[in-house]
Amino acid sequence: MNNAINQKITAVCNDKILKKGENVGLSFYAFFANKNDNPKLLMEVAEWWIKKHKLNHFEKAVKIKEMIQNKL
């Protein structure tokens, strides 16, 4: 994934953790608007989430943030 989406994922995770605590979960849809304005990027993140890492629909924000920071 490109650097811009990695930064956005980290920012969204930080925001959710700050607002709701370390136990907050989220799905990959949290990184996109409620409209399909960038289907290619959405599919890239979905494949990273589902195919590459076999993550559940909802995962802890701290886990996703750590994965992005470690470039997994």
N, C-alpha and C. Protein backbone atom coordinates (compact mmCIF):
# COMPACT_ATOMS: atom_id res chain seq x y z
N MET A 1 0.85 -1.18 0.00
CA MET A 1 0.00 0.00 0.00
C MET A 1 0.89 1.23 0.00
N ASN A 2 0.37 2.30 -0.56
CA ASN A 2 1.19 3.51 -0.66
C ASN A 2 1.26 4.26 0.67
N ASN A 3 2.19 5.17 0.73
CA ASN A 3 2.46 5.92 1.96
C ASN A 3 1.25 6.74 2.42
N ALA A 4 0.51 7.31 1.47
CA ALA A 4 -0.64 8.14 1.83
C ALA A 4 -1.70 7.34 2.58
N ILE A 5 -2.02 6.13 2.11
CA ILE A 5 -3.03 5.33 2.80
C ILE A 5 -2.48 4.81 4.12
N ASN A 6 -1.20 4.50 4.16
CA ASN A 6 -0.60 4.08 5.43
C ASN A 6 -0.72 5.18 6.49
N GLN A 7 -0.47 6.42 6.07
CA GLN A 7 -0.61 7.56 7.00
C GLN A 7 -2.05 7.74 7.43
N LYS A 8 -2.99 7.58 6.48
CA LYS A 8 -4.41 7.74 6.81
C LYS A 8 -4.85 6.65 7.79
N ILE A 9 -4.43 5.41 7.55
CA ILE A 9 -4.78 4.31 8.44
C ILE A 9 -4.26 4.58 9.85
N THR A 10 -3.01 5.03 9.94
CA THR A 10 -2.43 5.35 11.25
C THR A 10 -3.20 6.48 11.92
N ALA A 11 -3.55 7.51 11.17
CA ALA A 11 -4.30 8.64 11.73
C ALA A 11 -5.68 8.22 12.22
N VAL A 12 -6.37 7.40 11.44
CA VAL A 12 -7.70 6.93 11.84
C VAL A 12 -7.59 6.06 13.09
N CYS A 13 -6.61 5.17 13.13
CA CYS A 13 -6.41 4.33 14.32
C CYS A 13 -6.12 5.20 15.54
N ASN A 14 -5.23 6.17 15.40
CA ASN A 14 -4.91 7.07 16.52
C ASN A 14 -6.15 7.79 17.02
N ASP A 15 -6.97 8.29 16.08
CA ASP A 15 -8.19 9.02 16.44
C ASP A 15 -9.17 8.12 17.18
N LYS A 16 -9.38 6.91 16.67
CA LYS A 16 -10.31 5.97 17.31
C LYS A 16 -9.82 5.58 18.71
N ILE A 17 -8.52 5.33 18.83
CA ILE A 17 -7.95 4.95 20.13
C ILE A 17 -8.09 6.10 21.12
N LEU A 18 -7.81 7.31 20.67
CA LEU A 18 -7.93 8.49 21.53
C LEU A 18 -9.37 8.69 22.01
N LYS A 19 -10.33 8.51 21.11
CA LYS A 19 -11.73 8.75 21.45
C LYS A 19 -12.38 7.61 22.23
N LYS A 20 -12.00 6.36 21.91
CA LYS A 20 -12.73 5.23 22.47
C LYS A 20 -11.88 4.27 23.27
N GLY A 21 -10.58 4.50 23.34
CA GLY A 21 -9.73 3.65 24.15
C GLY A 21 -9.01 2.57 23.36
N GLU A 22 -8.08 1.92 24.04
CA GLU A 22 -7.20 0.92 23.43
C GLU A 22 -7.93 -0.33 22.95
N ASN A 23 -9.14 -0.54 23.41
CA ASN A 23 -9.88 -1.74 23.05
C ASN A 23 -10.77 -1.57 21.82
N VAL A 24 -10.76 -0.40 21.21
CA VAL A 24 -11.66 -0.11 20.10
C VAL A 24 -11.29 -0.96 18.88
N GLY A 25 -12.33 -1.46 18.23
CA GLY A 25 -12.16 -2.22 17.00
C GLY A 25 -12.63 -1.42 15.81
N LEU A 26 -12.15 -1.80 14.64
CA LEU A 26 -12.59 -1.14 13.42
C LEU A 26 -12.44 -2.09 12.24
N SER A 27 -13.09 -1.74 11.14
CA SER A 27 -12.96 -2.52 9.91
C SER A 27 -12.20 -1.66 8.90
N PHE A 28 -11.82 -2.26 7.78
CA PHE A 28 -11.07 -1.49 6.79
C PHE A 28 -11.93 -0.40 6.16
N TYR A 29 -13.25 -0.49 6.28
CA TYR A 29 -14.12 0.56 5.78
C TYR A 29 -13.93 1.88 6.53
N ALA A 30 -13.36 1.83 7.73
CA ALA A 30 -13.16 3.04 8.54
C ALA A 30 -12.21 4.03 7.87
N PHE A 31 -11.45 3.57 6.89
CA PHE A 31 -10.45 4.43 6.25
C PHE A 31 -10.98 5.12 5.00
N PHE A 32 -12.27 4.92 4.70
CA PHE A 32 -12.86 5.46 3.49
C PHE A 32 -14.16 6.19 3.80
N ALA A 33 -14.52 7.12 2.90
CA ALA A 33 -15.80 7.82 3.02
C ALA A 33 -16.93 6.83 2.74
N ASN A 34 -18.13 7.21 3.03
CA ASN A 34 -19.28 6.33 2.81
C ASN A 34 -19.72 6.31 1.35
N LYS A 35 -18.79 6.57 0.46
CA LYS A 35 -19.07 6.45 -0.97
C LYS A 35 -17.85 5.81 -1.62
N ASN A 36 -18.07 5.17 -2.71
CA ASN A 36 -17.02 4.43 -3.38
C ASN A 36 -16.31 5.34 -4.39
N ASP A 37 -15.53 6.30 -3.89
CA ASP A 37 -14.87 7.25 -4.78
C ASP A 37 -13.47 6.84 -5.21
N ASN A 38 -12.94 5.76 -4.63
CA ASN A 38 -11.63 5.25 -5.02
C ASN A 38 -11.64 3.72 -4.91
N PRO A 39 -12.34 3.05 -5.84
CA PRO A 39 -12.49 1.59 -5.73
C PRO A 39 -11.17 0.83 -5.80
N LYS A 40 -10.20 1.33 -6.55
CA LYS A 40 -8.91 0.65 -6.66
C LYS A 40 -8.20 0.60 -5.30
N LEU A 41 -8.17 1.74 -4.61
CA LEU A 41 -7.53 1.80 -3.30
C LEU A 41 -8.32 0.98 -2.27
N LEU A 42 -9.64 1.06 -2.34
CA LEU A 42 -10.47 0.26 -1.44
C LEU A 42 -10.16 -1.23 -1.59
N MET A 43 -10.04 -1.69 -2.82
CA MET A 43 -9.74 -3.10 -3.07
C MET A 43 -8.33 -3.46 -2.61
N GLU A 44 -7.40 -2.54 -2.77
CA GLU A 44 -6.03 -2.77 -2.31
C GLU A 44 -5.99 -2.98 -0.79
N VAL A 45 -6.68 -2.11 -0.07
CA VAL A 45 -6.73 -2.24 1.39
C VAL A 45 -7.51 -3.49 1.79
N ALA A 46 -8.60 -3.78 1.09
CA ALA A 46 -9.39 -4.98 1.39
C ALA A 46 -8.55 -6.24 1.18
N GLU A 47 -7.78 -6.29 0.11
CA GLU A 47 -6.93 -7.45 -0.14
C GLU A 47 -5.84 -7.58 0.92
N TRP A 48 -5.26 -6.45 1.34
CA TRP A 48 -4.26 -6.46 2.41
C TRP A 48 -4.88 -7.02 3.68
N TRP A 49 -6.09 -6.57 4.00
CA TRP A 49 -6.79 -6.93 5.23
C TRP A 49 -7.27 -8.39 5.18
N ILE A 50 -7.93 -8.78 4.08
CA ILE A 50 -8.60 -10.07 4.01
C ILE A 50 -7.69 -11.18 3.46
N LYS A 51 -7.13 -10.94 2.29
CA LYS A 51 -6.34 -12.00 1.65
C LYS A 51 -4.96 -12.17 2.27
N LYS A 52 -4.24 -11.07 2.41
CA LYS A 52 -2.86 -11.17 2.87
C LYS A 52 -2.77 -11.56 4.35
N HIS A 53 -3.56 -10.90 5.20
CA HIS A 53 -3.43 -11.11 6.65
C HIS A 53 -4.56 -11.93 7.26
N LYS A 54 -5.60 -12.22 6.48
CA LYS A 54 -6.73 -13.03 6.95
C LYS A 54 -7.30 -12.50 8.27
N LEU A 55 -7.47 -11.18 8.32
CA LEU A 55 -8.01 -10.53 9.52
C LEU A 55 -9.52 -10.68 9.56
N ASN A 56 -10.07 -10.61 10.76
CA ASN A 56 -11.51 -10.60 10.93
C ASN A 56 -12.08 -9.28 10.43
N HIS A 57 -13.41 -9.23 10.29
CA HIS A 57 -14.03 -7.99 9.81
C HIS A 57 -13.68 -6.82 10.74
N PHE A 58 -13.76 -7.04 12.04
CA PHE A 58 -13.36 -6.02 13.01
C PHE A 58 -12.10 -6.48 13.72
N GLU A 59 -11.14 -5.58 13.81
CA GLU A 59 -9.88 -5.84 14.50
C GLU A 59 -9.57 -4.66 15.41
N LYS A 60 -8.75 -4.88 16.41
CA LYS A 60 -8.34 -3.81 17.31
C LYS A 60 -7.53 -2.76 16.55
N ALA A 61 -7.83 -1.50 16.78
CA ALA A 61 -7.11 -0.41 16.11
C ALA A 61 -5.62 -0.44 16.46
N VAL A 62 -5.29 -0.81 17.69
CA VAL A 62 -3.88 -0.86 18.08
C VAL A 62 -3.13 -1.92 17.27
N LYS A 63 -3.79 -3.02 16.97
CA LYS A 63 -3.18 -4.09 16.17
C LYS A 63 -2.92 -3.61 14.75
N ILE A 64 -3.90 -2.97 14.14
CA ILE A 64 -3.77 -2.48 12.76
C ILE A 64 -2.68 -1.41 12.69
N LYS A 65 -2.68 -0.51 13.64
CA LYS A 65 -1.66 0.55 13.68
C LYS A 65 -0.26 -0.06 13.76
N GLU A 66 -0.09 -1.06 14.61
CA GLU A 66 1.20 -1.72 14.76
C GLU A 66 1.61 -2.42 13.46
N MET A 67 0.66 -3.05 12.80
CA MET A 67 0.96 -3.74 11.55
C MET A 67 1.41 -2.75 10.48
N ILE A 68 0.74 -1.62 10.40
CA ILE A 68 1.10 -0.60 9.41
C ILE A 68 2.49 -0.03 9.73
N GLN A 69 2.73 0.25 10.99
CA GLN A 69 4.03 0.82 11.38
C GLN A 69 5.17 -0.16 11.14
N ASN A 70 4.88 -1.45 11.24
CA ASN A 70 5.90 -2.48 11.01
C ASN A 70 5.94 -2.94 9.55
N LYS A 71 5.16 -2.27 8.70
CA LYS A 71 5.11 -2.54 7.26
C LYS A 71 4.77 -4.00 6.95
N LEU A 72 3.82 -4.56 7.69
CA LEU A 72 3.42 -5.95 7.44
C LEU A 72 2.43 -6.04 6.30
